[in-house]
C-alpha atoms as a PDB file:
ATOM      1  CA  UNK A   1      19.433  -2.516  18.993  1.00  0.00           C
ATOM      2  CA  UNK A   2      18.733   1.153  18.129  1.00  0.00           C
ATOM      3  CA  UNK A   3      17.584   2.057  21.638  1.00  0.00           C
ATOM      4  CA  UNK A   4      20.663   0.442  23.173  1.00  0.00           C
ATOM      5  CA  UNK A   5      22.913   2.387  20.809  1.00  0.00           C
ATOM      6  CA  UNK A   6      21.294   5.724  21.630  1.00  0.00           C
ATOM      7  CA  UNK A   7      21.196   4.940  25.361  1.00  0.00           C
ATOM      8  CA  UNK A   8      24.909   4.155  25.383  1.00  0.00           C
ATOM      9  CA  UNK A   9      25.810   7.491  23.773  1.00  0.00           C
ATOM     10  CA  UNK A  10      23.443   9.460  26.007  1.00  0.00           C
ATOM     11  CA  UNK A  11      24.827   7.733  29.127  1.00  0.00           C
ATOM     12  CA  UNK A  12      28.394   8.435  28.102  1.00  0.00           C
ATOM     13  CA  UNK A  13      28.039  12.106  27.144  1.00  0.00           C
ATOM     14  CA  UNK A  14      25.337  13.522  29.407  1.00  0.00           C
ATOM     15  CA  UNK A  15      25.836  15.382  32.654  1.00  0.00           C
ATOM     16  CA  UNK A  16      22.125  14.852  33.342  1.00  0.00           C
ATOM     17  CA  UNK A  17      20.136  11.904  32.014  1.00  0.00           C
ATOM     18  CA  UNK A  18      16.342  11.512  32.133  1.00  0.00           C
ATOM     19  CA  UNK A  19      14.738   8.226  31.053  1.00  0.00           C
ATOM     20  CA  UNK A  20      11.076   7.283  30.714  1.00  0.00           C
ATOM     21  CA  UNK A  21      10.229   4.716  33.360  1.00  0.00           C
ATOM     22  CA  UNK A  22       8.744   2.326  30.774  1.00  0.00           C
ATOM     23  CA  UNK A  23      12.012   1.937  28.845  1.00  0.00           C
ATOM     24  CA  UNK A  24      14.342  -1.060  29.458  1.00  0.00           C
ATOM     25  CA  UNK A  25      17.249   0.997  30.722  1.00  0.00           C
ATOM     26  CA  UNK A  26      19.876   0.007  33.262  1.00  0.00           C
ATOM     27  CA  UNK A  27      22.490   2.683  33.790  1.00  0.00           C
ATOM     28  CA  UNK A  28      25.834   1.900  35.404  1.00  0.00           C
ATOM     29  CA  UNK A  29      27.502   5.012  34.055  1.00  0.00           C
ATOM     30  CA  UNK A  30      29.015   7.988  35.827  1.00  0.00           C
ATOM     31  CA  UNK A  31      25.689   9.740  36.354  1.00  0.00           C
ATOM     32  CA  UNK A  32      22.499   8.201  37.798  1.00  0.00           C
ATOM     33  CA  UNK A  33      19.497   8.461  35.503  1.00  0.00           C
ATOM     34  CA  UNK A  34      16.364  10.274  36.619  1.00  0.00           C
ATOM     35  CA  UNK A  35      13.201   8.293  35.945  1.00  0.00           C
ATOM     36  CA  UNK A  36      10.406  10.122  34.167  1.00  0.00           C
ATOM     37  CA  UNK A  37       6.971   8.736  34.941  1.00  0.00           C
ATOM     38  CA  UNK A  38       3.960   9.026  32.601  1.00  0.00           C
ATOM     39  CA  UNK A  39       2.164  12.386  32.405  1.00  0.00           C
ATOM     40  CA  UNK A  40       4.998  14.211  34.179  1.00  0.00           C
ATOM     41  CA  UNK A  41       6.315  17.395  32.564  1.00  0.00           C
ATOM     42  CA  UNK A  42       9.922  16.619  31.503  1.00  0.00           C
ATOM     43  CA  UNK A  43      10.909  20.193  32.355  1.00  0.00           C
ATOM     44  CA  UNK A  44      10.149  19.498  36.010  1.00  0.00           C
ATOM     45  CA  UNK A  45      13.026  17.003  36.269  1.00  0.00           C
ATOM     46  CA  UNK A  46      15.542  18.930  34.146  1.00  0.00           C
ATOM     47  CA  UNK A  47      18.076  21.028  36.097  1.00  0.00           C
ATOM     48  CA  UNK A  48      17.437  24.762  35.979  1.00  0.00           C
ATOM     49  CA  UNK A  49      19.563  26.866  33.641  1.00  0.00           C
ATOM     50  CA  UNK A  50      21.501  28.221  36.642  1.00  0.00           C
ATOM     51  CA  UNK A  51      22.472  24.705  37.774  1.00  0.00           C
ATOM     52  CA  UNK A  52      23.003  23.314  34.292  1.00  0.00           C
ATOM     53  CA  UNK A  53      26.428  21.873  33.541  1.00  0.00           C
ATOM     54  CA  UNK A  54      27.034  20.147  30.230  1.00  0.00           C
ATOM     55  CA  UNK A  55      24.515  18.214  28.183  1.00  0.00           C
ATOM     56  CA  UNK A  56      21.101  17.077  29.394  1.00  0.00           C
ATOM     57  CA  UNK A  57      19.686  14.067  27.504  1.00  0.00           C
ATOM     58  CA  UNK A  58      16.171  12.662  27.623  1.00  0.00           C
ATOM     59  CA  UNK A  59      15.237   9.168  26.452  1.00  0.00           C
ATOM     60  CA  UNK A  60      11.475   9.224  26.005  1.00  0.00           C
ATOM     61  CA  UNK A  61       8.916   6.464  25.476  1.00  0.00           C
ATOM     62  CA  UNK A  62       7.327   5.809  22.052  1.00  0.00           C
ATOM     63  CA  UNK A  63       4.064   7.597  22.789  1.00  0.00           C
ATOM     64  CA  UNK A  64       2.277  10.716  21.476  1.00  0.00           C
ATOM     65  CA  UNK A  65       2.307  11.997  25.066  1.00  0.00           C
ATOM     66  CA  UNK A  66       6.117  12.173  24.936  1.00  0.00           C
ATOM     67  CA  UNK A  67       5.747  15.018  22.445  1.00  0.00           C
ATOM     68  CA  UNK A  68       2.701  16.733  23.904  1.00  0.00           C
ATOM     69  CA  UNK A  69       4.365  16.771  27.345  1.00  0.00           C
ATOM     70  CA  UNK A  70       7.118  18.957  25.871  1.00  0.00           C
ATOM     71  CA  UNK A  71       4.727  21.617  24.563  1.00  0.00           C
ATOM     72  CA  UNK A  72       4.360  23.740  27.745  1.00  0.00           C
ATOM     73  CA  UNK A  73       8.144  24.115  28.019  1.00  0.00           C
ATOM     74  CA  UNK A  74       9.191  24.331  24.362  1.00  0.00           C
ATOM     75  CA  UNK A  75      10.126  28.003  24.514  1.00  0.00           C
ATOM     76  CA  UNK A  76      11.876  27.807  27.876  1.00  0.00           C
ATOM     77  CA  UNK A  77      13.983  24.812  26.814  1.00  0.00           C
ATOM     78  CA  UNK A  78      14.779  25.885  23.248  1.00  0.00           C
ATOM     79  CA  UNK A  79      17.926  27.770  24.241  1.00  0.00           C
ATOM     80  CA  UNK A  80      19.324  25.016  26.465  1.00  0.00           C
ATOM     81  CA  UNK A  81      21.827  22.203  25.649  1.00  0.00           C
ATOM     82  CA  UNK A  82      19.204  19.465  25.637  1.00  0.00           C
ATOM     83  CA  UNK A  83      19.043  16.361  23.433  1.00  0.00           C
ATOM     84  CA  UNK A  84      15.716  14.531  23.349  1.00  0.00           C
ATOM     85  CA  UNK A  85      15.794  11.057  21.778  1.00  0.00           C
ATOM     86  CA  UNK A  86      12.561   9.221  21.019  1.00  0.00           C
ATOM     87  CA  UNK A  87      12.642   5.740  19.490  1.00  0.00           C
ATOM     88  CA  UNK A  88       9.493   5.018  17.495  1.00  0.00           C
ATOM     89  CA  UNK A  89       8.041   2.013  15.653  1.00  0.00           C
ATOM     90  CA  UNK A  90       8.031   2.424  11.879  1.00  0.00           C
ATOM     91  CA  UNK A  91       4.234   2.803  11.771  1.00  0.00           C
ATOM     92  CA  UNK A  92       4.091   5.646  14.314  1.00  0.00           C
ATOM     93  CA  UNK A  93       1.967   8.665  13.379  1.00  0.00           C
ATOM     94  CA  UNK A  94       4.386  11.611  13.151  1.00  0.00           C
ATOM     95  CA  UNK A  95       1.683  14.273  13.413  1.00  0.00           C
ATOM     96  CA  UNK A  96       2.855  15.264  16.953  1.00  0.00           C
ATOM     97  CA  UNK A  97       6.416  15.671  15.649  1.00  0.00           C
ATOM     98  CA  UNK A  98       5.372  17.861  12.734  1.00  0.00           C
ATOM     99  CA  UNK A  99       3.334  19.977  15.145  1.00  0.00           C
ATOM    100  CA  UNK A 100       6.608  21.018  16.839  1.00  0.00           C
ATOM    101  CA  UNK A 101       8.163  22.426  13.674  1.00  0.00           C
ATOM    102  CA  UNK A 102       7.637  26.069  14.777  1.00  0.00           C
ATOM    103  CA  UNK A 103       9.089  25.513  18.240  1.00  0.00           C
ATOM    104  CA  UNK A 104      12.581  26.787  17.478  1.00  0.00           C
ATOM    105  CA  UNK A 105      14.003  23.329  18.189  1.00  0.00           C
ATOM    106  CA  UNK A 106      16.231  21.466  15.762  1.00  0.00           C
ATOM    107  CA  UNK A 107      14.361  18.334  14.626  1.00  0.00           C
ATOM    108  CA  UNK A 108      16.304  15.408  13.135  1.00  0.00           C
ATOM    109  CA  UNK A 109      15.226  11.956  11.995  1.00  0.00           C
ATOM    110  CA  UNK A 110      17.301   8.818  11.582  1.00  0.00           C
ATOM    111  CA  UNK A 111      16.218   5.499  10.155  1.00  0.00           C
ATOM    112  CA  UNK A 112      17.826   2.328  11.417  1.00  0.00           C
ATOM    113  CA  UNK A 113      18.876   0.258   8.432  1.00  0.00           C
ATOM    114  CA  UNK A 114      20.711  -3.019   8.826  1.00  0.00           C
ATOM    115  CA  UNK A 115      21.677  -4.899  11.944  1.00  0.00           C
ATOM    116  CA  UNK A 116      24.031  -2.358  13.488  1.00  0.00           C
ATOM    117  CA  UNK A 117      22.009   0.871  13.244  1.00  0.00           C
ATOM    118  CA  UNK A 118      24.878   2.973  11.884  1.00  0.00           C
ATOM    119  CA  UNK A 119      22.648   5.879  10.873  1.00  0.00           C
ATOM    120  CA  UNK A 120      21.032   6.103  14.300  1.00  0.00           C
ATOM    121  CA  UNK A 121      24.427   5.730  15.995  1.00  0.00           C
ATOM    122  CA  UNK A 122      25.940   8.567  13.965  1.00  0.00           C
ATOM    123  CA  UNK A 123      22.896  10.796  14.356  1.00  0.00           C
ATOM    124  CA  UNK A 124      22.882  10.344  18.137  1.00  0.00           C
ATOM    125  CA  UNK A 125      26.497  11.535  18.160  1.00  0.00           C
ATOM    126  CA  UNK A 126      25.646  14.505  15.928  1.00  0.00           C
ATOM    127  CA  UNK A 127      22.637  15.466  18.061  1.00  0.00           C
ATOM    128  CA  UNK A 128      24.646  15.340  21.297  1.00  0.00           C
ATOM    129  CA  UNK A 129      27.465  17.430  19.827  1.00  0.00           C
ATOM    130  CA  UNK A 130      25.026  19.911  18.294  1.00  0.00           C
ATOM    131  CA  UNK A 131      23.006  20.406  21.490  1.00  0.00           C
ATOM    132  CA  UNK A 132      26.134  20.924  23.582  1.00  0.00           C
ATOM    133  CA  UNK A 133      27.983  23.304  21.256  1.00  0.00           C
ATOM    134  CA  UNK A 134      24.991  25.376  20.119  1.00  0.00           C
ATOM    135  CA  UNK A 135      23.222  25.421  23.490  1.00  0.00           C
ATOM    136  CA  UNK A 136      19.943  24.689  21.794  1.00  0.00           C
ATOM    137  CA  UNK A 137      17.366  21.933  22.181  1.00  0.00           C
ATOM    138  CA  UNK A 138      17.452  19.133  19.617  1.00  0.00           C
ATOM    139  CA  UNK A 139      14.757  16.510  19.041  1.00  0.00           C
ATOM    140  CA  UNK A 140      15.945  13.218  17.536  1.00  0.00           C
ATOM    141  CA  UNK A 141      13.402  10.653  16.397  1.00  0.00           C
ATOM    142  CA  UNK A 142      14.655   7.271  15.276  1.00  0.00           C
ATOM    143  CA  UNK A 143      13.222   3.884  14.333  1.00  0.00           C
ATOM    144  CA  UNK A 144      13.115   0.919  16.669  1.00  0.00           C
ATOM    145  CA  UNK A 145      11.656  -2.563  16.497  1.00  0.00           C
ATOM    146  CA  UNK A 146       8.075  -2.644  17.744  1.00  0.00           C
ATOM    147  CA  UNK A 147       9.076  -4.654  20.816  1.00  0.00           C
ATOM    148  CA  UNK A 148      12.041  -2.478  21.858  1.00  0.00           C
ATOM    149  CA  UNK A 149      10.152  -0.880  24.735  1.00  0.00           C
ATOM    150  CA  UNK A 150       9.579  -4.305  26.247  1.00  0.00           C
ATOM    151  CA  UNK A 151      12.783  -6.192  25.460  1.00  0.00           C
ATOM    152  CA  UNK A 152      16.500  -5.692  25.146  1.00  0.00           C
ATOM    153  CA  UNK A 153      19.136  -7.838  23.506  1.00  0.00           C
ATOM    154  CA  UNK A 154      22.780  -7.767  22.558  1.00  0.00           C
ATOM    155  CA  UNK A 155      26.012  -7.448  24.475  1.00  0.00           C
ATOM    156  CA  UNK A 156      26.098  -5.172  27.494  1.00  0.00           C
ATOM    157  CA  UNK A 157      28.873  -2.596  27.657  1.00  0.00           C
ATOM    158  CA  UNK A 158      30.339  -0.849  30.683  1.00  0.00           C
ATOM    159  CA  UNK A 159      27.437   1.574  30.914  1.00  0.00           C
ATOM    160  CA  UNK A 160      24.853  -1.147  31.450  1.00  0.00           C
ATOM    161  CA  UNK A 161      23.339  -0.733  27.987  1.00  0.00           C
ATOM    162  CA  UNK A 162      23.778  -2.884  24.918  1.00  0.00           C
ATOM    163  CA  UNK A 163      26.370  -2.088  22.296  1.00  0.00           C
ATOM    164  CA  UNK A 164      27.181  -3.066  18.752  1.00  0.00           C
ATOM    165  CA  UNK A 165      30.598  -4.534  18.045  1.00  0.00           C
ATOM    166  CA  UNK A 166      31.078  -1.904  15.340  1.00  0.00           C
ATOM    167  CA  UNK A 167      30.575   1.083  17.605  1.00  0.00           C
ATOM    168  CA  UNK A 168      33.393   3.446  18.475  1.00  0.00           C
ATOM    169  CA  UNK A 169      35.220   3.215  21.773  1.00  0.00           C
ATOM    170  CA  UNK A 170      34.115   5.276  24.741  1.00  0.00           C
ATOM    171  CA  UNK A 171      37.393   7.167  24.574  1.00  0.00           C
ATOM    172  CA  UNK A 172      36.932   8.107  20.906  1.00  0.00           C
ATOM    173  CA  UNK A 173      33.370   9.313  21.505  1.00  0.00           C
ATOM    174  CA  UNK A 174      34.351  11.363  24.560  1.00  0.00           C
ATOM    175  CA  UNK A 175      37.246  12.976  22.702  1.00  0.00           C
ATOM    176  CA  UNK A 176      34.904  13.861  19.803  1.00  0.00           C
ATOM    177  CA  UNK A 177      32.348  15.345  22.192  1.00  0.00           C
ATOM    178  CA  UNK A 178      34.863  17.464  24.109  1.00  0.00           C
ATOM    179  CA  UNK A 179      36.769  18.714  21.053  1.00  0.00           C
ATOM    180  CA  UNK A 180      36.459  22.378  20.088  1.00  0.00           C
ATOM    181  CA  UNK A 181      33.712  23.170  17.550  1.00  0.00           C
ATOM    182  CA  UNK A 182      34.687  23.152  13.895  1.00  0.00           C
ATOM    183  CA  UNK A 183      34.697  26.618  12.315  1.00  0.00           C
ATOM    184  CA  UNK A 184      32.938  26.667   8.952  1.00  0.00           C
ATOM    185  CA  UNK A 185      34.647  28.405   6.063  1.00  0.00           C
ATOM    186  CA  UNK A 186      33.138  31.333   4.177  1.00  0.00           C
ATOM    187  CA  UNK A 187      31.574  29.150   1.485  1.00  0.00           C
ATOM    188  CA  UNK A 188      29.668  27.137   4.050  1.00  0.00           C
ATOM    189  CA  UNK A 189      28.396  30.274   5.746  1.00  0.00           C
ATOM    190  CA  UNK A 190      27.205  31.770   2.461  1.00  0.00           C
ATOM    191  CA  UNK A 191      25.325  28.577   1.610  1.00  0.00           C
ATOM    192  CA  UNK A 192      22.736  29.422   4.262  1.00  0.00           C
ATOM    193  CA  UNK A 193      21.889  32.850   2.851  1.00  0.00           C
ATOM    194  CA  UNK A 194      18.414  31.680   1.792  1.00  0.00           C
ATOM    195  CA  UNK A 195      17.512  30.439   5.266  1.00  0.00           C
ATOM    196  CA  UNK A 196      15.175  32.404   7.515  1.00  0.00           C
ATOM    197  CA  UNK A 197      17.252  34.729   9.708  1.00  0.00           C
ATOM    198  CA  UNK A 198      16.111  32.953  12.867  1.00  0.00           C
ATOM    199  CA  UNK A 199      17.427  29.645  11.539  1.00  0.00           C
ATOM    200  CA  UNK A 200      20.741  30.726   9.983  1.00  0.00           C
ATOM    201  CA  UNK A 201      22.743  30.102  13.160  1.00  0.00           C
ATOM    202  CA  UNK A 202      20.966  26.808  13.820  1.00  0.00           C
ATOM    203  CA  UNK A 203      21.832  25.563  10.345  1.00  0.00           C
ATOM    204  CA  UNK A 204      25.472  26.616  10.700  1.00  0.00           C
ATOM    205  CA  UNK A 205      25.658  24.784  14.026  1.00  0.00           C
ATOM    206  CA  UNK A 206      24.117  21.683  12.427  1.00  0.00           C
ATOM    207  CA  UNK A 207      26.655  21.747   9.586  1.00  0.00           C
ATOM    208  CA  UNK A 208      29.553  22.097  12.028  1.00  0.00           C
ATOM    209  CA  UNK A 209      28.318  19.158  14.131  1.00  0.00           C
ATOM    210  CA  UNK A 210      27.726  17.086  10.992  1.00  0.00           C
ATOM    211  CA  UNK A 211      31.282  17.776   9.806  1.00  0.00           C
ATOM    212  CA  UNK A 212      32.712  16.787  13.198  1.00  0.00           C
ATOM    213  CA  UNK A 213      30.685  13.572  13.092  1.00  0.00           C
ATOM    214  CA  UNK A 214      31.934  12.837   9.577  1.00  0.00           C
ATOM    215  CA  UNK A 215      35.545  13.200  10.737  1.00  0.00           C
ATOM    216  CA  UNK A 216      34.887  10.706  13.529  1.00  0.00           C
ATOM    217  CA  UNK A 217      32.801   8.067  11.751  1.00  0.00           C
ATOM    218  CA  UNK A 218      33.857   8.559   8.098  1.00  0.00           C
ATOM    219  CA  UNK A 219      30.160   8.519   7.218  1.00  0.00           C
ATOM    220  CA  UNK A 220      28.420  11.655   5.945  1.00  0.00           C
ATOM    221  CA  UNK A 221      25.362  13.043   7.708  1.00  0.00           C
ATOM    222  CA  UNK A 222      23.148  14.685   5.105  1.00  0.00           C
ATOM    223  CA  UNK A 223      19.977  16.700   5.724  1.00  0.00           C
ATOM    224  CA  UNK A 224      18.459  15.466   2.463  1.00  0.00           C
ATOM    225  CA  UNK A 225      19.377  12.155   0.805  1.00  0.00           C
ATOM    226  CA  UNK A 226      18.577  11.594  -2.872  1.00  0.00           C
ATOM    227  CA  UNK A 227      18.484   8.157  -4.521  1.00  0.00           C
ATOM    228  CA  UNK A 228      17.637   7.751  -8.206  1.00  0.00           C
ATOM    229  CA  UNK A 229      17.092   4.992 -10.730  1.00  0.00           C
ATOM    230  CA  UNK A 230      19.438   6.469 -13.301  1.00  0.00           C
ATOM    231  CA  UNK A 231      18.725   8.328 -16.496  1.00  0.00           C
ATOM    232  CA  UNK A 232      16.692  11.519 -16.555  1.00  0.00           C
ATOM    233  CA  UNK A 233      14.595  11.796 -13.391  1.00  0.00           C
ATOM    234  CA  UNK A 234      11.049  12.933 -14.125  1.00  0.00           C
ATOM    235  CA  UNK A 235       9.197  11.801 -10.997  1.00  0.00           C
ATOM    236  CA  UNK A 236      10.519  12.450  -7.507  1.00  0.00           C
ATOM    237  CA  UNK A 237       9.114  11.066  -4.260  1.00  0.00           C
ATOM    238  CA  UNK A 238       9.948  13.364  -1.341  1.00  0.00           C
ATOM    239  CA  UNK A 239       9.425  11.435   1.892  1.00  0.00           C
ATOM    240  CA  UNK A 240       9.470  12.233   5.585  1.00  0.00           C
ATOM    241  CA  UNK A 241       8.884   9.105   7.612  1.00  0.00           C
ATOM    242  CA  UNK A 242      10.373   6.306   9.664  1.00  0.00           C
ATOM    243  CA  UNK A 243      10.384   3.667   6.938  1.00  0.00           C
ATOM    244  CA  UNK A 244      11.605   5.245   3.714  1.00  0.00           C
ATOM    245  CA  UNK A 245      14.079   2.417   3.040  1.00  0.00           C
ATOM    246  CA  UNK A 246      11.584   0.230   1.081  1.00  0.00           C
ATOM    247  CA  UNK A 247      10.979   3.149  -1.295  1.00  0.00           C
ATOM    248  CA  UNK A 248      14.717   3.608  -1.764  1.00  0.00           C
ATOM    249  CA  UNK A 249      15.212  -0.108  -2.452  1.00  0.00           C
ATOM    250  CA  UNK A 250      12.395  -0.020  -5.028  1.00  0.00           C
ATOM    251  CA  UNK A 251      14.021   2.799  -7.032  1.00  0.00           C
ATOM    252  CA  UNK A 252      16.299   0.576  -9.196  1.00  0.00           C
ATOM    253  CA  UNK A 253      13.169  -1.190 -10.484  1.00  0.00           C
ATOM    254  CA  UNK A 254      11.515   2.058 -11.574  1.00  0.00           C
ATOM    255  CA  UNK A 255      12.194   4.191 -14.603  1.00  0.00           C
ATOM    256  CA  UNK A 256      13.035   7.897 -14.390  1.00  0.00           C
ATOM    257  CA  UNK A 257      12.171   7.982 -10.691  1.00  0.00           C
ATOM    258  CA  UNK A 258      13.986   9.175  -7.586  1.00  0.00           C
ATOM    259  CA  UNK A 259      13.419   9.265  -3.827  1.00  0.00           C
ATOM    260  CA  UNK A 260      14.447  12.155  -1.615  1.00  0.00           C
ATOM    261  CA  UNK A 261      14.451  11.357   2.106  1.00  0.00           C
ATOM    262  CA  UNK A 262      14.264  14.282   4.524  1.00  0.00           C
ATOM    263  CA  UNK A 263      16.375  13.771   7.649  1.00  0.00           C
ATOM    264  CA  UNK A 264      16.537  17.381   8.873  1.00  0.00           C
ATOM    265  CA  UNK A 265      13.020  18.714   9.399  1.00  0.00           C
ATOM    266  CA  UNK A 266      14.108  21.908  11.150  1.00  0.00           C
ATOM    267  CA  UNK A 267      15.831  24.171  10.330  1.00  0.00           C
ATOM    268  CA  UNK A 268      14.916  24.201   6.648  1.00  0.00           C
ATOM    269  CA  UNK A 269      17.562  25.071   4.047  1.00  0.00           C
ATOM    270  CA  UNK A 270      15.756  25.683   0.721  1.00  0.00           C
ATOM    271  CA  UNK A 271      18.946  25.894  -1.371  1.00  0.00           C
ATOM    272  CA  UNK A 272      20.217  22.570  -0.014  1.00  0.00           C
ATOM    273  CA  UNK A 273      16.829  20.997  -0.646  1.00  0.00           C
ATOM    274  CA  UNK A 274      16.702  22.310  -4.205  1.00  0.00           C
ATOM    275  CA  UNK A 275      20.274  21.162  -4.835  1.00  0.00           C
ATOM    276  CA  UNK A 276      19.160  17.526  -4.595  1.00  0.00           C
ATOM    277  CA  UNK A 277      16.049  17.987  -6.755  1.00  0.00           C
ATOM    278  CA  UNK A 278      17.054  17.416 -10.399  1.00  0.00           C
ATOM    279  CA  UNK A 279      15.958  20.171 -12.759  1.00  0.00           C
ATOM    280  CA  UNK A 280      14.567  17.461 -15.064  1.00  0.00           C
ATOM    281  CA  UNK A 281      11.827  16.591 -12.555  1.00  0.00           C
ATOM    282  CA  UNK A 282       8.318  17.131 -13.888  1.00  0.00           C
ATOM    283  CA  UNK A 283       6.311  15.762 -10.971  1.00  0.00           C
ATOM    284  CA  UNK A 284       6.982  15.741  -7.238  1.00  0.00           C
ATOM    285  CA  UNK A 285       4.999  13.610  -4.803  1.00  0.00           C
ATOM    286  CA  UNK A 286       5.469  14.641  -1.169  1.00  0.00           C
ATOM    287  CA  UNK A 287       4.775  11.788   1.257  1.00  0.00           C
ATOM    288  CA  UNK A 288       4.444  12.473   4.983  1.00  0.00           C
ATOM    289  CA  UNK A 289       3.935   9.925   7.741  1.00  0.00           C
ATOM    290  CA  UNK A 290       1.158  11.972   9.327  1.00  0.00           C
ATOM    291  CA  UNK A 291      -2.291  10.453   9.618  1.00  0.00           C
ATOM    292  CA  UNK A 292      -4.165  13.185  11.507  1.00  0.00           C
ATOM    293  CA  UNK A 293      -3.366  16.390   9.664  1.00  0.00           C
ATOM    294  CA  UNK A 294      -5.702  19.227  10.604  1.00  0.00           C
ATOM    295  CA  UNK A 295      -4.708  21.365   7.623  1.00  0.00           C
ATOM    296  CA  UNK A 296      -5.230  20.858   3.913  1.00  0.00           C
ATOM    297  CA  UNK A 297      -1.517  20.763   3.138  1.00  0.00           C
ATOM    298  CA  UNK A 298       1.112  18.895   5.108  1.00  0.00           C
ATOM    299  CA  UNK A 299       4.072  20.633   6.741  1.00  0.00           C
ATOM    300  CA  UNK A 300       6.704  19.059   4.494  1.00  0.00           C
ATOM    301  CA  UNK A 301       4.557  19.728   1.419  1.00  0.00           C
ATOM    302  CA  UNK A 302       4.555  23.440   2.301  1.00  0.00           C
ATOM    303  CA  UNK A 303       8.354  23.438   2.798  1.00  0.00           C
ATOM    304  CA  UNK A 304       8.937  21.876  -0.621  1.00  0.00           C
ATOM    305  CA  UNK A 305       6.347  24.098  -2.309  1.00  0.00           C
ATOM    306  CA  UNK A 306       7.870  27.278  -0.869  1.00  0.00           C
ATOM    307  CA  UNK A 307      11.351  26.294  -2.021  1.00  0.00           C
ATOM    308  CA  UNK A 308      10.156  25.473  -5.548  1.00  0.00           C
ATOM    309  CA  UNK A 309       8.132  28.670  -5.814  1.00  0.00           C
ATOM    310  CA  UNK A 310      11.106  30.779  -4.757  1.00  0.00           C
ATOM    311  CA  UNK A 311      13.318  29.123  -7.392  1.00  0.00           C
ATOM    312  CA  UNK A 312      10.676  29.507 -10.101  1.00  0.00           C
ATOM    313  CA  UNK A 313      10.234  33.206  -9.340  1.00  0.00           C
ATOM    314  CA  UNK A 314      13.963  33.982  -9.190  1.00  0.00           C
ATOM    315  CA  UNK A 315      14.854  32.017 -12.326  1.00  0.00           C
ATOM    316  CA  UNK A 316      11.691  32.633 -14.321  1.00  0.00           C
ATOM    317  CA  UNK A 317      11.119  28.927 -14.825  1.00  0.00           C
ATOM    318  CA  UNK A 318       8.078  26.695 -14.685  1.00  0.00           C
ATOM    319  CA  UNK A 319       7.431  24.744 -11.524  1.00  0.00           C
ATOM    320  CA  UNK A 320       7.016  20.972 -11.646  1.00  0.00           C
ATOM    321  CA  UNK A 321       3.645  19.541 -10.701  1.00  0.00           C
ATOM    322  CA  UNK A 322       3.548  18.898  -6.940  1.00  0.00           C
ATOM    323  CA  UNK A 323       1.063  16.769  -5.044  1.00  0.00           C
ATOM    324  CA  UNK A 324       0.875  15.601  -1.440  1.00  0.00           C
ATOM    325  CA  UNK A 325       0.128  12.216   0.074  1.00  0.00           C
ATOM    326  CA  UNK A 326       0.459  10.029   3.152  1.00  0.00           C
ATOM    327  CA  UNK A 327       3.391   7.687   3.686  1.00  0.00           C
ATOM    328  CA  UNK A 328       1.801   4.536   5.045  1.00  0.00           C
ATOM    329  CA  UNK A 329       3.348   1.385   6.417  1.00  0.00           C
ATOM    330  CA  UNK A 330       5.496  -0.256   3.719  1.00  0.00           C
ATOM    331  CA  UNK A 331       7.007  -3.619   4.675  1.00  0.00           C
ATOM    332  CA  UNK A 332       9.351  -4.165   1.752  1.00  0.00           C
ATOM    333  CA  UNK A 333      10.459  -3.038  -1.692  1.00  0.00           C
ATOM    334  CA  UNK A 334       7.903  -5.312  -3.386  1.00  0.00           C
ATOM    335  CA  UNK A 335       5.083  -3.614  -1.519  1.00  0.00           C
ATOM    336  CA  UNK A 336       6.597  -0.226  -2.314  1.00  0.00           C
ATOM    337  CA  UNK A 337       6.560  -1.076  -6.019  1.00  0.00           C
ATOM    338  CA  UNK A 338       2.881  -1.938  -5.831  1.00  0.00           C
END
């Protein structure tokens, strides 16, 4: 279902659409899709900047090579209105994704929860709007069933891809996409004062696209989502992965524990991250779905550590204990509790 949802939005909003040849895609939309065969540089089939008109979307296969194939062109594509969507099984090693964190691209994750994939639907809209308005490349990774690359199911819409009954109409999505960007007020602009100068504009663009998406769907898109068991939170699990839901569902059964799910990997906004970390927390466990780290500390661990250190230094307070770990495959809340 998630792939069909993303494919529908990409088909509807893109002036140029590139799809991995292994994906079950049948496009009957306004623009023919360009097939991308294995081991081909995606940049070679993307229109040049001079010929570019509107949004270019790529639907890539769930393979490490989908990410490594982008590496030679990361810099050249970073300032282009390009949305790259990659649907991944929940057990996928995200090491190649984390390796792109210094690319200058916006990197967003969505996790499909429930039958209709609302989070992935809304994030695909946000990503498309963000890439178009900011003229910057955006990478969107989202969860799919393990057999999505081989099978499709559901009801086919006018674009030749499957659609959920709860999705918005084509007209509503097109109107949202073509509407003028939302101007952030002064308070929103000041909230990014702690962000690296190179990422200030990217964060402002993200917030504007998120606000536009909220107005359309009536569902908030948050870079960091905090769930807690109630009471005074002393232990916080900070997770970046494709299957954080079992941890979230386990929280009500735990005492003094919370889960913080990271949806926006890049750009990083330390103040927004710290705003969802309760000051009562004594221990933070950072879990990353990366199984082949080549460094001692994970990328997300370093982001969280830097934010906490900055707050401790500016406020003269003691830092909580922070440790890193690997987010493995968790099949349900019972397994998460164990």
